Structure formats: structure tokens, C-alpha cells
Amino acid sequence: AVMGIIREQTYTLNQNTLNIAASAIDYQVQSAEMTAAEIIANEKLASLIKAQQDTSPAAEYKIVEIQNTLRMAVSRNGIIDAIYVYMNEGDYVLSNTTKAKPEFYFENELSSLAMSVQEWKKIMTQPHVKDYATWENQNGSSTMVLMISQNIYENAPKATICIVFNTAKFWQVMNEKKDMQIEVYDMRNEKVYWGNGKTRANPVVLASQNIGWRYEAYIEDA
């Protein structure tokens, strides 16, 4: 009977711990998605996406203004490292720091990824509604991104907005839970986070009412 009580207390404790951590992640996701919504609603960006080949002075000025918008969005949100827009028709990338050919941008900004420039370009030119992805880095760490495509026509987007998270900071609250094996799944049921543990004992499952993500925690028997 005592074991039963201890187990029940342990479950409640684990549930509370997971609840607090999940709330922190929920908040971060909501703030990132608000940033994404602001960028999508930017009329200058929308018109630039529609006319990517335009090289007039007016278009160039628009690019500078959009870059300032992206820069402000990154500086306002501590969990975002970078934001870039992959212009499929114009064949360039516009980010909070630069405007460059995709190959040049990849080489200078994304070369730590464990994928080739061709693989990355393929991802960028596929349609993304609101897709979170975790990309492996060459050093064994990972980078989480949020991709949203614009003006999708015949399964090819004219542009894809990509928000690059400071992944260590984003998952800090989960990484601190050393005594739990935690897994997180997004709205599409894609696994976006997994801890280092191996146990599948004593599961605590939490579905977020706010963002539709699912949090699972497992803990070894005491």
C-alpha cells in the first residue's frame, strides 16, 4: 500500500514538473508563431514575394525595409537566432543579416548543418504550412526551425519563411530535467524533442490545449 502511495505521489510530482516545463515551451512556441504571423502580414514582403525578379530602386529599398523588420523580430525574441526568406523564383535568400544567393547563404550561415546545399534547397522549395523540423548538425547537436511557405502554386511555394531557433535556449527547461526522459511531439505528431534517457517506465502524458503539442515524460522507478 505504501508503494502505491509513493508511486501516486511520484506521478503527481512528475505531472507537475512536466506541466511547468510544458507551459514554458507553449509560451515560446506561441511567441515564435506570433512573430511568424507578423512577418506574413507584412505587406512589403508580400509584394516582394509576388515580384521577386524586380530589381528597381523601389524594390531594393523594400528589401532594406524588410531586412530591418526581420532584424527587429530577431532582436525582440531571445529564442530566435535568425529569420530568413528563401525566394524560390528570385533565387536568393533575404535574412535579418544579408541578401545572398542560396548557395552563398548556405555556405556562410548554415554550413554547420549535416546536410548538403542541395538537400536544404529541396526542403526550402517544398510547401510548408506550419512545419517544425529538427535538423542535425555536423557536431551532433541539432537546430530546430519553423518553416511557413507563401504563395503555394501547383505544390511549389514562391517563398518559404524560415525561423531558426536558438535550440539550446528553446529546450533549456527540458534539458534541465535530468531525472526524466522527455519527448515532445508537434501538431503533426512529429517528434521535435527527445532526451537522452532510455526508460519507458511510469509515463506521464500531457496534451497542450494551447498549441496542440504533446509532452511525454518517463521516469525510472525509485
Protein backbone atom coordinates (compact mmCIF):
# COMPACT_ATOMS: atom_id res chain seq x y z
CA ALA A 1 0.00 0.00 0.00
CA VAL A 2 2.88 2.33 0.89
CA MET A 3 4.46 1.70 -2.52
CA GLY A 4 1.15 2.60 -4.12
CA ILE A 5 1.01 5.92 -2.24
CA ILE A 6 4.64 6.72 -3.10
CA ARG A 7 4.01 5.87 -6.74
CA GLU A 8 0.93 8.11 -6.76
CA GLN A 9 2.89 10.98 -5.17
CA THR A 10 5.71 10.45 -7.65
CA TYR A 11 3.24 10.55 -10.54
CA THR A 12 1.70 13.80 -9.27
CA LEU A 13 5.14 15.32 -8.77
CA ASN A 14 6.21 14.28 -12.28
CA GLN A 15 2.97 15.63 -13.70
CA ASN A 16 3.50 19.00 -12.01
CA THR A 17 7.12 19.16 -13.17
CA LEU A 18 6.11 18.35 -16.74
CA ASN A 19 3.23 20.83 -16.56
CA ILE A 20 5.54 23.72 -15.64
CA ALA A 21 8.09 22.82 -18.34
CA ALA A 22 5.37 22.33 -20.98
CA SER A 23 3.82 25.72 -20.15
CA ALA A 24 7.21 27.37 -20.76
CA ILE A 25 7.54 25.63 -24.16
CA ASP A 26 3.93 26.51 -25.05
CA TYR A 27 4.66 30.17 -24.38
CA GLN A 28 7.82 30.11 -26.52
CA VAL A 29 6.00 28.44 -29.43
CA GLN A 30 3.19 30.98 -29.21
CA SER A 31 5.64 33.90 -29.22
CA ALA A 32 7.52 32.45 -32.23
CA GLU A 33 4.25 31.92 -34.11
CA MET A 34 3.20 35.50 -33.34
CA THR A 35 6.50 36.67 -34.83
CA ALA A 36 5.84 34.49 -37.89
CA ALA A 37 2.32 35.92 -38.23
CA GLU A 38 3.69 39.48 -38.13
CA ILE A 39 6.16 38.67 -40.90
CA ILE A 40 3.48 37.01 -43.04
CA ALA A 41 1.23 40.06 -42.56
CA ASN A 42 4.00 42.42 -43.75
CA GLU A 43 2.63 43.94 -46.97
CA LYS A 44 6.07 44.92 -48.29
CA LEU A 45 7.25 41.32 -48.00
CA ALA A 46 4.04 40.03 -49.62
CA SER A 47 4.51 42.33 -52.62
CA LEU A 48 8.22 41.44 -52.90
CA ILE A 49 7.35 37.72 -52.92
CA LYS A 50 4.92 38.34 -55.78
CA ALA A 51 7.55 40.24 -57.84
CA GLN A 52 10.88 38.60 -56.98
CA GLN A 53 12.60 39.48 -60.26
CA ASP A 54 12.02 43.20 -59.71
CA THR A 55 15.42 44.91 -59.37
CA SER A 56 14.17 48.50 -59.44
CA PRO A 57 15.39 51.02 -56.81
CA ALA A 58 11.93 50.81 -55.20
CA ALA A 59 12.31 47.03 -54.81
CA GLU A 60 15.82 47.43 -53.40
CA TYR A 61 14.51 49.93 -50.85
CA LYS A 62 11.74 47.49 -49.94
CA ILE A 63 14.38 44.80 -49.31
CA VAL A 64 16.22 47.10 -46.88
CA GLU A 65 12.97 47.81 -45.02
CA ILE A 66 12.07 44.10 -44.82
CA GLN A 67 15.56 43.33 -43.53
CA ASN A 68 15.07 45.87 -40.74
CA THR A 69 11.75 44.21 -39.87
CA LEU A 70 13.44 40.78 -39.68
CA ARG A 71 16.32 42.20 -37.62
CA MET A 72 13.90 43.72 -35.11
CA ALA A 73 11.93 40.48 -34.88
CA VAL A 74 15.12 38.53 -34.06
CA SER A 75 16.36 41.06 -31.50
CA ARG A 76 12.95 41.09 -29.77
CA ASN A 77 12.78 37.33 -29.30
CA GLY A 78 15.57 35.69 -27.29
CA ILE A 79 14.85 32.18 -28.54
CA ILE A 80 15.19 33.12 -32.23
CA ASP A 81 18.69 33.13 -33.75
CA ALA A 82 17.81 34.09 -37.31
CA ILE A 83 14.95 34.56 -39.77
CA TYR A 84 15.34 34.15 -43.49
CA VAL A 85 13.07 34.13 -46.51
CA TYR A 86 14.00 31.76 -49.33
CA MET A 87 12.88 33.39 -52.58
CA ASN A 88 12.26 30.49 -54.95
CA GLU A 89 11.68 32.48 -58.15
CA GLY A 90 14.23 35.21 -57.45
CA ASP A 91 16.81 32.58 -56.41
CA TYR A 92 18.04 34.47 -53.36
CA VAL A 93 17.76 34.45 -49.59
CA LEU A 94 16.76 37.52 -47.62
CA SER A 95 17.62 37.32 -43.92
CA ASN A 96 17.95 39.54 -40.87
CA THR A 97 21.65 39.98 -41.75
CA THR A 98 22.05 39.68 -45.52
CA LYS A 99 20.70 39.20 -49.02
CA ALA A 100 22.55 36.47 -50.93
CA LYS A 101 22.33 33.67 -53.45
CA PRO A 102 21.10 30.47 -51.72
CA GLU A 103 24.45 28.70 -52.18
CA PHE A 104 26.36 31.62 -50.69
CA TYR A 105 23.91 31.94 -47.77
CA PHE A 106 24.15 28.22 -47.02
CA GLU A 107 27.95 28.26 -47.12
CA ASN A 108 28.21 31.27 -44.80
CA GLU A 109 25.30 30.78 -42.42
CA LEU A 110 24.25 27.11 -42.49
CA SER A 111 27.43 25.14 -43.13
CA SER A 112 27.24 23.59 -39.63
CA LEU A 113 24.20 21.54 -40.76
CA ALA A 114 24.70 17.86 -41.54
CA MET A 115 23.05 18.24 -44.95
CA SER A 116 24.14 19.40 -48.38
CA VAL A 117 23.08 22.65 -50.03
CA GLN A 118 21.02 20.56 -52.48
CA GLU A 119 19.14 18.86 -49.63
CA TRP A 120 18.46 22.22 -47.98
CA LYS A 121 17.25 23.80 -51.25
CA LYS A 122 14.92 20.84 -51.78
CA ILE A 123 13.39 21.39 -48.32
CA MET A 124 13.04 25.13 -48.96
CA THR A 125 11.22 24.61 -52.27
CA GLN A 126 8.67 22.18 -50.85
CA PRO A 127 5.41 23.56 -49.41
CA HIS A 128 5.31 24.04 -45.63
CA VAL A 129 2.10 25.07 -43.90
CA LYS A 130 3.50 25.49 -40.38
CA ASP A 131 6.19 22.89 -40.11
CA TYR A 132 8.62 22.46 -37.25
CA ALA A 133 11.72 20.46 -38.07
CA THR A 134 14.81 19.41 -36.16
CA TRP A 135 17.92 19.39 -38.34
CA GLU A 136 21.05 17.53 -37.34
CA ASN A 137 24.31 19.48 -37.12
CA GLN A 138 27.72 18.05 -38.00
CA ASN A 139 28.85 18.28 -34.36
CA GLY A 140 25.98 16.05 -33.16
CA SER A 141 23.81 18.87 -31.82
CA SER A 142 20.60 19.89 -33.57
CA THR A 143 18.86 23.01 -34.87
CA MET A 144 15.12 23.47 -34.68
CA VAL A 145 13.35 25.55 -37.32
CA LEU A 146 9.83 26.67 -38.16
CA MET A 147 9.01 26.85 -41.89
CA ILE A 148 6.00 28.56 -43.45
CA SER A 149 5.63 28.77 -47.23
CA GLN A 150 3.96 31.61 -49.08
CA ASN A 151 2.04 31.67 -52.39
CA ILE A 152 1.96 27.92 -52.96
CA TYR A 153 1.08 27.19 -56.58
CA GLU A 154 0.98 23.66 -58.05
CA ASN A 155 2.75 22.32 -54.96
CA ALA A 156 5.68 24.77 -55.25
CA PRO A 157 5.91 27.81 -52.97
CA LYS A 158 7.09 31.17 -54.29
CA ALA A 159 8.87 31.67 -50.97
CA THR A 160 9.48 29.95 -47.65
CA ILE A 161 9.93 31.82 -44.38
CA CYS A 162 12.28 30.02 -42.01
CA ILE A 163 12.66 30.86 -38.33
CA VAL A 164 15.84 29.42 -36.82
CA PHE A 165 15.65 28.85 -33.08
CA ASN A 166 18.39 29.09 -30.52
CA THR A 167 17.74 25.41 -29.91
CA ALA A 168 19.67 25.03 -26.63
CA LYS A 169 17.83 28.02 -25.16
CA PHE A 170 14.47 26.87 -26.54
CA TRP A 171 14.75 23.46 -24.85
CA GLN A 172 16.66 24.62 -21.77
CA VAL A 173 13.74 23.95 -19.43
CA MET A 174 13.51 20.36 -20.74
CA ASN A 175 17.27 19.75 -20.71
CA GLU A 176 17.32 20.62 -17.01
CA LYS A 177 15.02 17.68 -16.20
CA LYS A 178 17.87 15.16 -15.81
CA ASP A 179 15.80 12.56 -13.95
CA MET A 180 13.17 12.31 -16.69
CA GLN A 181 13.15 11.01 -20.23
CA ILE A 182 11.07 13.63 -22.05
CA GLU A 183 9.72 13.51 -25.59
CA VAL A 184 7.79 16.28 -27.34
CA TYR A 185 5.58 15.93 -30.44
CA ASP A 186 4.21 18.78 -32.53
CA MET A 187 0.76 19.16 -34.09
CA ARG A 188 1.68 16.81 -36.95
CA ASN A 189 2.79 14.22 -34.38
CA GLU A 190 6.43 14.74 -35.44
CA LYS A 191 8.94 14.24 -32.64
CA VAL A 192 10.63 17.62 -32.08
CA TYR A 193 12.49 16.86 -28.85
CA TRP A 194 13.81 13.78 -27.11
CA GLY A 195 16.02 13.49 -24.05
CA ASN A 196 18.92 11.11 -23.51
CA GLY A 197 17.15 8.60 -21.28
CA LYS A 198 16.07 5.15 -22.38
CA THR A 199 13.35 4.29 -19.87
CA ARG A 200 9.68 3.90 -20.84
CA ALA A 201 8.51 3.41 -17.23
CA ASN A 202 5.87 5.44 -15.40
CA PRO A 203 4.64 7.54 -18.34
CA VAL A 204 3.10 10.96 -17.81
CA VAL A 205 1.39 12.33 -20.94
CA LEU A 206 0.26 15.89 -21.33
CA ALA A 207 -1.60 17.35 -24.34
CA SER A 208 -1.29 21.10 -24.74
CA GLN A 209 -4.59 22.95 -25.05
CA ASN A 210 -2.78 26.00 -26.41
CA ILE A 211 -0.65 24.75 -29.30
CA GLY A 212 -1.73 21.16 -29.85
CA TRP A 213 1.66 19.68 -28.92
CA ARG A 214 2.06 16.56 -26.78
CA TYR A 215 4.55 16.13 -23.94
CA GLU A 216 5.56 12.72 -22.63
CA ALA A 217 7.76 12.02 -19.62
CA TYR A 218 9.12 8.71 -18.38
CA ILE A 219 10.93 8.12 -15.12
CA GLU A 220 12.82 5.18 -13.62
CA ASP A 221 11.33 3.51 -10.56
CA ALA A 222 12.90 4.88 -7.39
